[in-house]
Amino acid sequence: MKQRFLIILFLFGFCVQNNYSQSIQSDSATKHLNSYSNQTDAFQDKNYYVFSYFKNNGLDGLHLAGSRDGMNWKAFKNDQSFLTPTVAKDKLMRDPCVIKGFDGKFHMVWTVSWTDKGIGYASSDDLVKWSEQVYVPVMQHQDSARNCWAPEITCDWATKTYMIYWATTIKGKFKETASKLEAGYNHRIYYVTTKDFKKFSKTKLLYDKGFNVIDASIVNDGKRYVMFLKDETREPVQKNIKIAYAKKLTGPYSVPSDPITGNYWAEGPAALQVDKQWIVYFDKYTQHKYGAITSTNLIDWSDVSDQISLPAGIRHGTIVKVTKDEYELLEKQ
């Protein structure tokens, strides 16, 4: 009888211990899943991106698309324009660059014409309602300037200064790289600085490394300034995206890297960093479609063009990170 009682007691203890162990394991698994879920929610909660772009020739103005992962984009407002261009002789809004400034406002510059000597500027608190558009005559002092293409803005947070930069061809300059092809365009990158978008510094040369260059786009990787650019050389043909580096926003910038894009013509680089991964979008303009590459070190690149999703007809623009409230307001348009 005593022996039977000890066996029953042993079995009861084993069941209790086993249930307790299973309960601990279950709680641990639940906590692990909850932790993973919280991490995922936190990742999703902090990632709201807006792609500013134009369509066709830029006559209808600013288009915006949104993404939570930086790879899949959906047009806001049923892909209708958020802002119709009103300045300059051609009244275009090509290559819109939108950044968020020190003042919390969104600031935008764009190409107003194929042949004008200035650029467009406007600002907004929410990307929906925009200020009056202003024409900024950044190359008006140059009688031989033929154009001002693809302006962009980059912030210098140390000095609270904005740098605006663009590509211009000046007739008779840089004859060593002149070509009769493509209407003889022979660009270099120029810039001005400003603290308020009302007063601007004198225009200066930003990038000349002995080749025709357009579509500069500059970001800070935490250690230096990184300029993505298009080598526009026609003879022998380049037409690809490269990278240059500088310690200061205004340079001097290094000679360019080897091409980071493939065996196709590419332009209009737009870069963003999602956690530790860089994603660079670009227009495969001869193929009438967009491409993208990724890297964690800005050296080794992988093509992910088959993994991205963008609105039909999207053309050269930029990407800006926004808040949840700003993103949700755009979704309501």
C-alpha atoms as a PDB file:
ATOM      1  CA  MET A   1       0.000   0.000   0.000  1.00  0.00           C
ATOM      2  CA  LYS A   2       2.790   2.387   0.946  1.00  0.00           C
ATOM      3  CA  GLN A   3       4.664   1.538  -2.249  1.00  0.00           C
ATOM      4  CA  ARG A   4       1.544   2.200  -4.365  1.00  0.00           C
ATOM      5  CA  PHE A   5       1.094   5.569  -2.644  1.00  0.00           C
ATOM      6  CA  LEU A   6       4.714   6.573  -3.433  1.00  0.00           C
ATOM      7  CA  ILE A   7       4.226   5.665  -7.117  1.00  0.00           C
ATOM      8  CA  ILE A   8       1.054   7.797  -7.330  1.00  0.00           C
ATOM      9  CA  LEU A   9       2.834  10.681  -5.599  1.00  0.00           C
ATOM     10  CA  PHE A  10       5.761  10.414  -8.033  1.00  0.00           C
ATOM     11  CA  LEU A  11       3.448  10.432 -11.062  1.00  0.00           C
ATOM     12  CA  PHE A  12       1.525  13.439  -9.708  1.00  0.00           C
ATOM     13  CA  GLY A  13       4.774  15.364  -9.185  1.00  0.00           C
ATOM     14  CA  PHE A  14       5.945  14.535 -12.707  1.00  0.00           C
ATOM     15  CA  CYS A  15       2.701  15.825 -14.221  1.00  0.00           C
ATOM     16  CA  VAL A  16       2.852  19.045 -12.238  1.00  0.00           C
ATOM     17  CA  GLN A  17       6.497  19.596 -13.210  1.00  0.00           C
ATOM     18  CA  ASN A  18       5.782  18.774 -16.866  1.00  0.00           C
ATOM     19  CA  ASN A  19       2.803  21.131 -16.988  1.00  0.00           C
ATOM     20  CA  TYR A  20       4.868  23.852 -15.305  1.00  0.00           C
ATOM     21  CA  SER A  21       7.710  23.315 -17.786  1.00  0.00           C
ATOM     22  CA  GLN A  22       5.294  23.458 -20.724  1.00  0.00           C
ATOM     23  CA  SER A  23       3.750  26.588 -19.234  1.00  0.00           C
ATOM     24  CA  ILE A  24       7.190  28.241 -18.946  1.00  0.00           C
ATOM     25  CA  GLN A  25       8.041  27.240 -22.511  1.00  0.00           C
ATOM     26  CA  SER A  26       4.687  28.525 -23.728  1.00  0.00           C
ATOM     27  CA  ASP A  27       5.150  31.814 -21.878  1.00  0.00           C
ATOM     28  CA  SER A  28       8.667  32.087 -23.294  1.00  0.00           C
ATOM     29  CA  ALA A  29       7.439  31.432 -26.823  1.00  0.00           C
ATOM     30  CA  THR A  30       4.620  33.942 -26.355  1.00  0.00           C
ATOM     31  CA  LYS A  31       7.056  36.549 -25.076  1.00  0.00           C
ATOM     32  CA  HIS A  32       9.371  35.829 -28.035  1.00  0.00           C
ATOM     33  CA  LEU A  33       6.508  36.200 -30.518  1.00  0.00           C
ATOM     34  CA  ASN A  34       5.294  39.340 -28.789  1.00  0.00           C
ATOM     35  CA  SER A  35       8.828  40.728 -28.851  1.00  0.00           C
ATOM     36  CA  TYR A  36       9.120  39.955 -32.567  1.00  0.00           C
ATOM     37  CA  SER A  37       5.699  41.451 -33.171  1.00  0.00           C
ATOM     38  CA  ASN A  38       6.618  44.579 -31.236  1.00  0.00           C
ATOM     39  CA  GLN A  39       9.859  44.905 -33.194  1.00  0.00           C
ATOM     40  CA  THR A  40       7.926  44.548 -36.462  1.00  0.00           C
ATOM     41  CA  ASP A  41       5.328  47.075 -35.319  1.00  0.00           C
ATOM     42  CA  ALA A  42       8.094  49.454 -34.276  1.00  0.00           C
ATOM     43  CA  PHE A  43       9.790  49.032 -37.667  1.00  0.00           C
ATOM     44  CA  GLN A  44       6.519  49.704 -39.466  1.00  0.00           C
ATOM     45  CA  ASP A  45       5.654  52.619 -37.221  1.00  0.00           C
ATOM     46  CA  LYS A  46       8.812  54.565 -38.006  1.00  0.00           C
ATOM     47  CA  ASN A  47       8.932  54.029 -41.767  1.00  0.00           C
ATOM     48  CA  TYR A  48       6.867  56.396 -43.876  1.00  0.00           C
ATOM     49  CA  TYR A  49       8.336  57.466 -47.211  1.00  0.00           C
ATOM     50  CA  VAL A  50       7.083  59.793 -49.947  1.00  0.00           C
ATOM     51  CA  PHE A  51       8.358  59.756 -53.536  1.00  0.00           C
ATOM     52  CA  SER A  52       7.965  63.063 -55.397  1.00  0.00           C
ATOM     53  CA  TYR A  53       7.977  62.700 -59.191  1.00  0.00           C
ATOM     54  CA  PHE A  54       6.598  63.999 -62.488  1.00  0.00           C
ATOM     55  CA  LYS A  55       4.907  62.359 -65.458  1.00  0.00           C
ATOM     56  CA  ASN A  56       5.230  62.878 -69.195  1.00  0.00           C
ATOM     57  CA  ASN A  57       6.856  66.294 -69.771  1.00  0.00           C
ATOM     58  CA  GLY A  58       5.927  67.778 -66.370  1.00  0.00           C
ATOM     59  CA  LEU A  59       3.074  70.010 -67.532  1.00  0.00           C
ATOM     60  CA  ASP A  60       0.589  68.871 -64.872  1.00  0.00           C
ATOM     61  CA  GLY A  61       3.055  69.242 -61.988  1.00  0.00           C
ATOM     62  CA  LEU A  62       3.838  67.397 -58.782  1.00  0.00           C
ATOM     63  CA  HIS A  63       2.900  63.766 -58.181  1.00  0.00           C
ATOM     64  CA  LEU A  64       3.407  61.913 -54.884  1.00  0.00           C
ATOM     65  CA  ALA A  65       3.523  58.219 -53.966  1.00  0.00           C
ATOM     66  CA  GLY A  66       3.930  56.534 -50.587  1.00  0.00           C
ATOM     67  CA  SER A  67       5.667  53.444 -49.215  1.00  0.00           C
ATOM     68  CA  ARG A  68       6.144  51.772 -45.842  1.00  0.00           C
ATOM     69  CA  ASP A  69       9.030  49.485 -46.856  1.00  0.00           C
ATOM     70  CA  GLY A  70      10.863  51.611 -49.428  1.00  0.00           C
ATOM     71  CA  MET A  71      10.232  49.038 -52.159  1.00  0.00           C
ATOM     72  CA  ASN A  72       6.514  49.077 -52.937  1.00  0.00           C
ATOM     73  CA  TRP A  73       4.979  52.448 -53.834  1.00  0.00           C
ATOM     74  CA  LYS A  74       1.379  53.541 -54.310  1.00  0.00           C
ATOM     75  CA  ALA A  75       0.348  56.876 -55.797  1.00  0.00           C
ATOM     76  CA  PHE A  76      -1.592  59.278 -53.575  1.00  0.00           C
ATOM     77  CA  LYS A  77      -4.673  61.139 -54.825  1.00  0.00           C
ATOM     78  CA  ASN A  78      -5.260  58.569 -57.566  1.00  0.00           C
ATOM     79  CA  ASP A  79      -2.002  59.804 -59.167  1.00  0.00           C
ATOM     80  CA  GLN A  80      -3.396  63.280 -59.781  1.00  0.00           C
ATOM     81  CA  SER A  81      -1.182  66.359 -59.459  1.00  0.00           C
ATOM     82  CA  PHE A  82      -0.748  68.039 -56.069  1.00  0.00           C
ATOM     83  CA  LEU A  83       0.630  71.275 -57.544  1.00  0.00           C
ATOM     84  CA  THR A  84       0.368  72.748 -61.049  1.00  0.00           C
ATOM     85  CA  PRO A  85       3.408  74.749 -62.266  1.00  0.00           C
ATOM     86  CA  THR A  86       2.949  78.483 -62.818  1.00  0.00           C
ATOM     87  CA  VAL A  87       6.449  80.004 -63.163  1.00  0.00           C
ATOM     88  CA  ALA A  88       8.891  80.490 -66.065  1.00  0.00           C
ATOM     89  CA  LYS A  89       8.200  80.583 -69.780  1.00  0.00           C
ATOM     90  CA  ASP A  90       7.504  76.846 -70.244  1.00  0.00           C
ATOM     91  CA  LYS A  91       5.673  76.347 -66.921  1.00  0.00           C
ATOM     92  CA  LEU A  92       7.017  72.841 -66.382  1.00  0.00           C
ATOM     93  CA  MET A  93       7.565  70.946 -63.128  1.00  0.00           C
ATOM     94  CA  ARG A  94      10.153  68.305 -63.920  1.00  0.00           C
ATOM     95  CA  ASP A  95      12.559  66.564 -61.512  1.00  0.00           C
ATOM     96  CA  PRO A  96      10.815  67.734 -58.316  1.00  0.00           C
ATOM     97  CA  CYS A  97      13.093  67.497 -55.273  1.00  0.00           C
ATOM     98  CA  VAL A  98      11.355  67.661 -51.874  1.00  0.00           C
ATOM     99  CA  ILE A  99      13.218  67.795 -48.565  1.00  0.00           C
ATOM    100  CA  LYS A 100      12.183  68.467 -44.967  1.00  0.00           C
ATOM    101  CA  GLY A 101      14.018  71.473 -43.610  1.00  0.00           C
ATOM    102  CA  PHE A 102      15.311  72.696 -40.273  1.00  0.00           C
ATOM    103  CA  ASP A 103      12.042  74.587 -39.807  1.00  0.00           C
ATOM    104  CA  GLY A 104       9.906  71.462 -40.185  1.00  0.00           C
ATOM    105  CA  LYS A 105       8.579  72.657 -43.536  1.00  0.00           C
ATOM    106  CA  PHE A 106       8.866  70.834 -46.832  1.00  0.00           C
ATOM    107  CA  HIS A 107      10.935  72.698 -49.419  1.00  0.00           C
ATOM    108  CA  MET A 108      10.817  71.870 -53.126  1.00  0.00           C
ATOM    109  CA  VAL A 109      12.836  72.883 -56.194  1.00  0.00           C
ATOM    110  CA  TRP A 110      12.275  71.739 -59.769  1.00  0.00           C
ATOM    111  CA  THR A 111      13.210  72.168 -63.434  1.00  0.00           C
ATOM    112  CA  VAL A 112      10.944  74.853 -64.923  1.00  0.00           C
ATOM    113  CA  SER A 113      12.072  74.673 -68.554  1.00  0.00           C
ATOM    114  CA  TRP A 114      14.413  72.945 -70.990  1.00  0.00           C
ATOM    115  CA  THR A 115      16.184  76.240 -71.723  1.00  0.00           C
ATOM    116  CA  ASP A 116      15.654  78.660 -68.827  1.00  0.00           C
ATOM    117  CA  LYS A 117      18.357  80.129 -66.549  1.00  0.00           C
ATOM    118  CA  GLY A 118      16.532  79.547 -63.284  1.00  0.00           C
ATOM    119  CA  ILE A 119      14.624  77.015 -61.203  1.00  0.00           C
ATOM    120  CA  GLY A 120      11.310  76.842 -59.353  1.00  0.00           C
ATOM    121  CA  TYR A 121      10.810  76.911 -55.575  1.00  0.00           C
ATOM    122  CA  ALA A 122       7.831  76.392 -53.239  1.00  0.00           C
ATOM    123  CA  SER A 123       7.263  75.261 -49.643  1.00  0.00           C
ATOM    124  CA  SER A 124       4.572  73.427 -47.702  1.00  0.00           C
ATOM    125  CA  ASP A 125       3.684  72.444 -44.158  1.00  0.00           C
ATOM    126  CA  ASP A 126       2.024  69.179 -45.159  1.00  0.00           C
ATOM    127  CA  LEU A 127       2.740  68.395 -48.859  1.00  0.00           C
ATOM    128  CA  VAL A 128      -0.895  69.175 -49.657  1.00  0.00           C
ATOM    129  CA  LYS A 129      -1.175  72.964 -49.474  1.00  0.00           C
ATOM    130  CA  TRP A 130       1.725  74.793 -51.122  1.00  0.00           C
ATOM    131  CA  SER A 131       3.071  78.334 -50.997  1.00  0.00           C
ATOM    132  CA  GLU A 132       3.199  80.682 -53.951  1.00  0.00           C
ATOM    133  CA  GLN A 133       5.712  79.439 -56.505  1.00  0.00           C
ATOM    134  CA  VAL A 134       8.897  81.473 -56.987  1.00  0.00           C
ATOM    135  CA  TYR A 135      11.326  81.639 -59.888  1.00  0.00           C
ATOM    136  CA  VAL A 136      14.960  81.681 -58.713  1.00  0.00           C
ATOM    137  CA  PRO A 137      17.343  82.995 -61.456  1.00  0.00           C
ATOM    138  CA  VAL A 138      20.431  81.059 -60.359  1.00  0.00           C
ATOM    139  CA  MET A 139      22.229  81.296 -63.746  1.00  0.00           C
ATOM    140  CA  GLN A 140      20.843  84.627 -64.966  1.00  0.00           C
ATOM    141  CA  HIS A 141      24.289  86.203 -64.609  1.00  0.00           C
ATOM    142  CA  GLN A 142      25.698  83.829 -67.235  1.00  0.00           C
ATOM    143  CA  ASP A 143      24.781  85.077 -70.719  1.00  0.00           C
ATOM    144  CA  SER A 144      25.950  81.815 -72.262  1.00  0.00           C
ATOM    145  CA  ALA A 145      24.087  79.492 -69.864  1.00  0.00           C
ATOM    146  CA  ARG A 146      21.759  77.215 -71.811  1.00  0.00           C
ATOM    147  CA  ASN A 147      19.726  75.573 -69.063  1.00  0.00           C
ATOM    148  CA  CYS A 148      19.241  74.617 -65.391  1.00  0.00           C
ATOM    149  CA  TRP A 149      18.343  70.944 -65.033  1.00  0.00           C
ATOM    150  CA  ALA A 150      17.362  68.680 -62.141  1.00  0.00           C
ATOM    151  CA  PRO A 151      17.944  70.956 -59.103  1.00  0.00           C
ATOM    152  CA  GLU A 152      18.145  69.358 -55.667  1.00  0.00           C
ATOM    153  CA  ILE A 153      18.459  70.519 -52.069  1.00  0.00           C
ATOM    154  CA  THR A 154      20.654  69.024 -49.349  1.00  0.00           C
ATOM    155  CA  CYS A 155      20.778  70.224 -45.732  1.00  0.00           C
ATOM    156  CA  ASP A 156      23.937  71.051 -43.814  1.00  0.00           C
ATOM    157  CA  TRP A 157      22.676  70.447 -40.289  1.00  0.00           C
ATOM    158  CA  ALA A 158      25.888  71.731 -38.665  1.00  0.00           C
ATOM    159  CA  THR A 159      25.482  75.213 -40.149  1.00  0.00           C
ATOM    160  CA  LYS A 160      21.693  75.170 -40.688  1.00  0.00           C
ATOM    161  CA  THR A 161      22.311  75.960 -44.344  1.00  0.00           C
ATOM    162  CA  TYR A 162      20.634  74.603 -47.464  1.00  0.00           C
ATOM    163  CA  MET A 163      22.622  73.917 -50.627  1.00  0.00           C
ATOM    164  CA  ILE A 164      20.745  73.972 -53.945  1.00  0.00           C
ATOM    165  CA  TYR A 165      22.592  72.438 -56.898  1.00  0.00           C
ATOM    166  CA  TRP A 166      21.812  71.636 -60.535  1.00  0.00           C
ATOM    167  CA  ALA A 167      23.359  70.921 -63.949  1.00  0.00           C
ATOM    168  CA  THR A 168      24.066  73.673 -66.514  1.00  0.00           C
ATOM    169  CA  THR A 169      25.761  73.851 -69.887  1.00  0.00           C
ATOM    170  CA  ILE A 170      27.647  77.110 -70.556  1.00  0.00           C
ATOM    171  CA  LYS A 171      28.515  77.651 -74.192  1.00  0.00           C
ATOM    172  CA  GLY A 172      32.257  77.676 -74.839  1.00  0.00           C
ATOM    173  CA  LYS A 173      33.278  76.223 -71.459  1.00  0.00           C
ATOM    174  CA  PHE A 174      34.983  72.856 -70.905  1.00  0.00           C
ATOM    175  CA  LYS A 175      35.877  72.479 -74.574  1.00  0.00           C
ATOM    176  CA  GLU A 176      37.966  69.390 -73.821  1.00  0.00           C
ATOM    177  CA  THR A 177      34.754  67.381 -73.297  1.00  0.00           C
ATOM    178  CA  ALA A 178      32.606  69.066 -75.926  1.00  0.00           C
ATOM    179  CA  SER A 179      30.601  66.888 -78.310  1.00  0.00           C
ATOM    180  CA  LYS A 180      28.439  67.626 -81.318  1.00  0.00           C
ATOM    181  CA  LEU A 181      26.018  64.888 -80.300  1.00  0.00           C
ATOM    182  CA  GLU A 182      22.870  65.541 -78.235  1.00  0.00           C
ATOM    183  CA  ALA A 183      22.700  69.236 -79.194  1.00  0.00           C
ATOM    184  CA  GLY A 184      26.194  69.827 -77.826  1.00  0.00           C
ATOM    185  CA  TYR A 185      25.185  69.803 -74.148  1.00  0.00           C
ATOM    186  CA  ASN A 186      28.233  69.650 -71.866  1.00  0.00           C
ATOM    187  CA  HIS A 187      27.115  69.982 -68.248  1.00  0.00           C
ATOM    188  CA  ARG A 188      28.786  70.635 -64.941  1.00  0.00           C
ATOM    189  CA  ILE A 189      27.181  70.897 -61.465  1.00  0.00           C
ATOM    190  CA  TYR A 190      26.735  74.369 -59.907  1.00  0.00           C
ATOM    191  CA  TYR A 191      25.331  75.486 -56.562  1.00  0.00           C
ATOM    192  CA  VAL A 192      24.095  78.267 -54.295  1.00  0.00           C
ATOM    193  CA  THR A 193      23.491  78.243 -50.541  1.00  0.00           C
ATOM    194  CA  THR A 194      20.698  79.801 -48.521  1.00  0.00           C
ATOM    195  CA  LYS A 195      19.298  79.854 -45.014  1.00  0.00           C
ATOM    196  CA  ASP A 196      15.790  81.085 -45.838  1.00  0.00           C
ATOM    197  CA  PHE A 197      15.157  80.546 -49.587  1.00  0.00           C
ATOM    198  CA  LYS A 198      14.960  84.315 -49.970  1.00  0.00           C
ATOM    199  CA  LYS A 199      18.609  85.343 -50.050  1.00  0.00           C
ATOM    200  CA  PHE A 200      21.079  83.224 -51.996  1.00  0.00           C
ATOM    201  CA  SER A 201      24.858  83.119 -52.255  1.00  0.00           C
ATOM    202  CA  LYS A 202      26.666  83.700 -55.529  1.00  0.00           C
ATOM    203  CA  THR A 203      26.571  80.753 -57.894  1.00  0.00           C
ATOM    204  CA  LYS A 204      29.684  78.563 -57.791  1.00  0.00           C
ATOM    205  CA  LEU A 205      30.978  75.451 -59.545  1.00  0.00           C
ATOM    206  CA  LEU A 206      30.384  72.341 -57.416  1.00  0.00           C
ATOM    207  CA  TYR A 207      31.566  69.404 -59.521  1.00  0.00           C
ATOM    208  CA  ASP A 208      33.918  69.196 -62.499  1.00  0.00           C
ATOM    209  CA  LYS A 209      36.028  66.076 -62.926  1.00  0.00           C
ATOM    210  CA  GLY A 210      36.571  66.376 -66.645  1.00  0.00           C
ATOM    211  CA  PHE A 211      33.354  64.837 -67.945  1.00  0.00           C
ATOM    212  CA  ASN A 212      29.777  65.776 -68.802  1.00  0.00           C
ATOM    213  CA  VAL A 213      27.722  65.305 -65.592  1.00  0.00           C
ATOM    214  CA  ILE A 214      24.073  65.770 -64.610  1.00  0.00           C
ATOM    215  CA  ASP A 215      21.536  64.602 -61.993  1.00  0.00           C
ATOM    216  CA  ALA A 216      23.615  65.005 -58.829  1.00  0.00           C
ATOM    217  CA  SER A 217      21.854  63.880 -55.644  1.00  0.00           C
ATOM    218  CA  ILE A 218      23.672  64.256 -52.305  1.00  0.00           C
ATOM    219  CA  VAL A 219      22.983  62.494 -48.991  1.00  0.00           C
ATOM    220  CA  ASN A 220      24.901  62.180 -45.733  1.00  0.00           C
ATOM    221  CA  ASP A 221      25.792  58.649 -44.602  1.00  0.00           C
ATOM    222  CA  GLY A 222      26.801  59.769 -41.102  1.00  0.00           C
ATOM    223  CA  LYS A 223      30.496  60.092 -41.931  1.00  0.00           C
ATOM    224  CA  ARG A 224      30.601  62.067 -45.173  1.00  0.00           C
ATOM    225  CA  TYR A 225      28.549  63.445 -48.023  1.00  0.00           C
ATOM    226  CA  VAL A 226      27.722  60.990 -50.788  1.00  0.00           C
ATOM    227  CA  MET A 227      26.973  62.333 -54.271  1.00  0.00           C
ATOM    228  CA  PHE A 228      25.140  60.035 -56.662  1.00  0.00           C
ATOM    229  CA  LEU A 229      25.554  61.391 -60.189  1.00  0.00           C
ATOM    230  CA  LYS A 230      25.001  60.551 -63.828  1.00  0.00           C
ATOM    231  CA  ASP A 231      28.023  60.384 -66.104  1.00  0.00           C
ATOM    232  CA  GLU A 232      26.447  61.900 -69.218  1.00  0.00           C
ATOM    233  CA  THR A 233      29.444  61.230 -71.478  1.00  0.00           C
ATOM    234  CA  ARG A 234      28.329  60.310 -74.993  1.00  0.00           C
ATOM    235  CA  GLU A 235      31.694  59.563 -76.627  1.00  0.00           C
ATOM    236  CA  PRO A 236      32.653  56.939 -75.570  1.00  0.00           C
ATOM    237  CA  VAL A 237      29.233  56.296 -74.092  1.00  0.00           C
ATOM    238  CA  GLN A 238      28.764  56.127 -70.293  1.00  0.00           C
ATOM    239  CA  LYS A 239      25.178  57.108 -69.379  1.00  0.00           C
ATOM    240  CA  ASN A 240      25.415  55.444 -65.943  1.00  0.00           C
ATOM    241  CA  ILE A 241      25.251  56.232 -62.222  1.00  0.00           C
ATOM    242  CA  LYS A 242      28.444  56.739 -60.203  1.00  0.00           C
ATOM    243  CA  ILE A 243      29.344  57.986 -56.698  1.00  0.00           C
ATOM    244  CA  ALA A 244      31.632  60.741 -55.397  1.00  0.00           C
ATOM    245  CA  TYR A 245      32.425  61.646 -51.765  1.00  0.00           C
ATOM    246  CA  ALA A 246      33.281  64.761 -49.733  1.00  0.00           C
ATOM    247  CA  LYS A 247      33.834  65.718 -46.108  1.00  0.00           C
ATOM    248  CA  LYS A 248      31.984  69.007 -46.561  1.00  0.00           C
ATOM    249  CA  LEU A 249      28.673  69.520 -48.348  1.00  0.00           C
ATOM    250  CA  THR A 250      30.183  72.122 -50.666  1.00  0.00           C
ATOM    251  CA  GLY A 251      33.120  69.845 -51.490  1.00  0.00           C
ATOM    252  CA  PRO A 252      35.627  69.224 -52.822  1.00  0.00           C
ATOM    253  CA  TYR A 253      34.188  65.927 -54.073  1.00  0.00           C
ATOM    254  CA  SER A 254      36.283  62.963 -55.150  1.00  0.00           C
ATOM    255  CA  VAL A 255      36.697  61.500 -58.603  1.00  0.00           C
ATOM    256  CA  PRO A 256      33.739  59.236 -59.327  1.00  0.00           C
ATOM    257  CA  SER A 257      33.541  55.541 -58.574  1.00  0.00           C
ATOM    258  CA  ASP A 258      33.081  52.880 -61.193  1.00  0.00           C
ATOM    259  CA  PRO A 259      29.473  52.640 -62.446  1.00  0.00           C
ATOM    260  CA  ILE A 260      27.039  51.176 -59.918  1.00  0.00           C
ATOM    261  CA  THR A 261      24.347  50.581 -62.535  1.00  0.00           C
ATOM    262  CA  GLY A 262      24.391  47.945 -65.253  1.00  0.00           C
ATOM    263  CA  ASN A 263      24.569  47.699 -69.028  1.00  0.00           C
ATOM    264  CA  TYR A 264      21.757  50.145 -69.764  1.00  0.00           C
ATOM    265  CA  TRP A 265      21.304  53.915 -69.771  1.00  0.00           C
ATOM    266  CA  ALA A 266      20.285  55.256 -66.367  1.00  0.00           C
ATOM    267  CA  GLU A 267      19.589  58.697 -64.896  1.00  0.00           C
ATOM    268  CA  GLY A 268      17.847  60.510 -62.046  1.00  0.00           C
ATOM    269  CA  PRO A 269      19.238  58.639 -59.000  1.00  0.00           C
ATOM    270  CA  ALA A 270      17.125  58.856 -55.837  1.00  0.00           C
ATOM    271  CA  ALA A 271      18.599  57.294 -52.693  1.00  0.00           C
ATOM    272  CA  LEU A 272      17.141  56.347 -49.341  1.00  0.00           C
ATOM    273  CA  GLN A 273      18.430  54.347 -46.401  1.00  0.00           C
ATOM    274  CA  VAL A 274      16.101  51.816 -44.777  1.00  0.00           C
ATOM    275  CA  ASP A 275      17.831  50.823 -41.550  1.00  0.00           C
ATOM    276  CA  LYS A 276      21.282  49.652 -42.749  1.00  0.00           C
ATOM    277  CA  GLN A 277      20.379  49.123 -46.391  1.00  0.00           C
ATOM    278  CA  TRP A 278      20.756  51.713 -49.132  1.00  0.00           C
ATOM    279  CA  ILE A 279      18.265  51.672 -51.990  1.00  0.00           C
ATOM    280  CA  VAL A 280      18.985  53.738 -55.092  1.00  0.00           C
ATOM    281  CA  TYR A 281      16.217  54.228 -57.642  1.00  0.00           C
ATOM    282  CA  PHE A 282      16.878  55.439 -61.179  1.00  0.00           C
ATOM    283  CA  ASP A 283      15.118  55.924 -64.479  1.00  0.00           C
ATOM    284  CA  LYS A 284      15.988  53.424 -67.233  1.00  0.00           C
ATOM    285  CA  TYR A 285      14.730  56.107 -69.571  1.00  0.00           C
ATOM    286  CA  THR A 286      15.452  54.411 -72.904  1.00  0.00           C
ATOM    287  CA  GLN A 287      13.479  51.392 -71.661  1.00  0.00           C
ATOM    288  CA  HIS A 288      10.681  53.539 -70.182  1.00  0.00           C
ATOM    289  CA  LYS A 289      10.842  51.882 -66.774  1.00  0.00           C
ATOM    290  CA  TYR A 290      12.418  52.291 -63.343  1.00  0.00           C
ATOM    291  CA  GLY A 291      15.224  50.271 -61.787  1.00  0.00           C
ATOM    292  CA  ALA A 292      16.709  49.923 -58.285  1.00  0.00           C
ATOM    293  CA  ILE A 293      19.859  48.610 -56.638  1.00  0.00           C
ATOM    294  CA  THR A 294      20.689  47.947 -52.979  1.00  0.00           C
ATOM    295  CA  SER A 295      23.830  47.942 -50.862  1.00  0.00           C
ATOM    296  CA  THR A 296      24.884  47.943 -47.218  1.00  0.00           C
ATOM    297  CA  ASN A 297      28.313  49.499 -47.821  1.00  0.00           C
ATOM    298  CA  LEU A 298      27.890  51.683 -50.962  1.00  0.00           C
ATOM    299  CA  ILE A 299      30.443  49.436 -52.692  1.00  0.00           C
ATOM    300  CA  ASP A 300      28.779  46.090 -53.424  1.00  0.00           C
ATOM    301  CA  TRP A 301      25.448  46.485 -55.218  1.00  0.00           C
ATOM    302  CA  SER A 302      22.611  44.089 -56.015  1.00  0.00           C
ATOM    303  CA  ASP A 303      19.962  44.729 -58.653  1.00  0.00           C
ATOM    304  CA  VAL A 304      16.438  44.510 -57.206  1.00  0.00           C
ATOM    305  CA  SER A 305      14.569  45.990 -60.154  1.00  0.00           C
ATOM    306  CA  ASP A 306      12.322  42.918 -60.300  1.00  0.00           C
ATOM    307  CA  GLN A 307      11.304  43.413 -56.642  1.00  0.00           C
ATOM    308  CA  ILE A 308      10.032  47.009 -56.778  1.00  0.00           C
ATOM    309  CA  SER A 309       6.583  48.349 -57.528  1.00  0.00           C
ATOM    310  CA  LEU A 310       5.960  51.961 -58.614  1.00  0.00           C
ATOM    311  CA  PRO A 311       3.175  54.013 -60.229  1.00  0.00           C
ATOM    312  CA  ALA A 312       3.010  53.749 -64.009  1.00  0.00           C
ATOM    313  CA  GLY A 313       4.831  56.497 -65.879  1.00  0.00           C
ATOM    314  CA  ILE A 314       6.900  57.720 -62.902  1.00  0.00           C
ATOM    315  CA  ARG A 315       9.798  60.011 -63.862  1.00  0.00           C
ATOM    316  CA  HIS A 316      12.826  61.535 -62.067  1.00  0.00           C
ATOM    317  CA  GLY A 317      12.182  62.662 -58.479  1.00  0.00           C
ATOM    318  CA  THR A 318      13.334  62.250 -54.883  1.00  0.00           C
ATOM    319  CA  ILE A 319      12.347  60.439 -51.698  1.00  0.00           C
ATOM    320  CA  VAL A 320      11.682  62.052 -48.313  1.00  0.00           C
ATOM    321  CA  LYS A 321      10.875  60.467 -44.950  1.00  0.00           C
ATOM    322  CA  VAL A 322       7.698  61.793 -43.283  1.00  0.00           C
ATOM    323  CA  THR A 323       5.734  61.300 -40.071  1.00  0.00           C
ATOM    324  CA  LYS A 324       2.755  59.001 -39.645  1.00  0.00           C
ATOM    325  CA  ASP A 325       0.357  61.966 -39.493  1.00  0.00           C
ATOM    326  CA  GLU A 326       1.811  63.504 -42.665  1.00  0.00           C
ATOM    327  CA  TYR A 327       1.550  60.169 -44.458  1.00  0.00           C
ATOM    328  CA  GLU A 328      -2.044  59.565 -43.366  1.00  0.00           C
ATOM    329  CA  LEU A 329      -3.077  63.052 -44.511  1.00  0.00           C
ATOM    330  CA  LEU A 330      -1.786  62.220 -48.004  1.00  0.00           C
ATOM    331  CA  GLU A 331      -3.758  58.962 -47.939  1.00  0.00           C
ATOM    332  CA  LYS A 332      -6.938  60.962 -47.381  1.00  0.00           C
ATOM    333  CA  GLN A 333      -6.489  63.083 -50.503  1.00  0.00           C
END
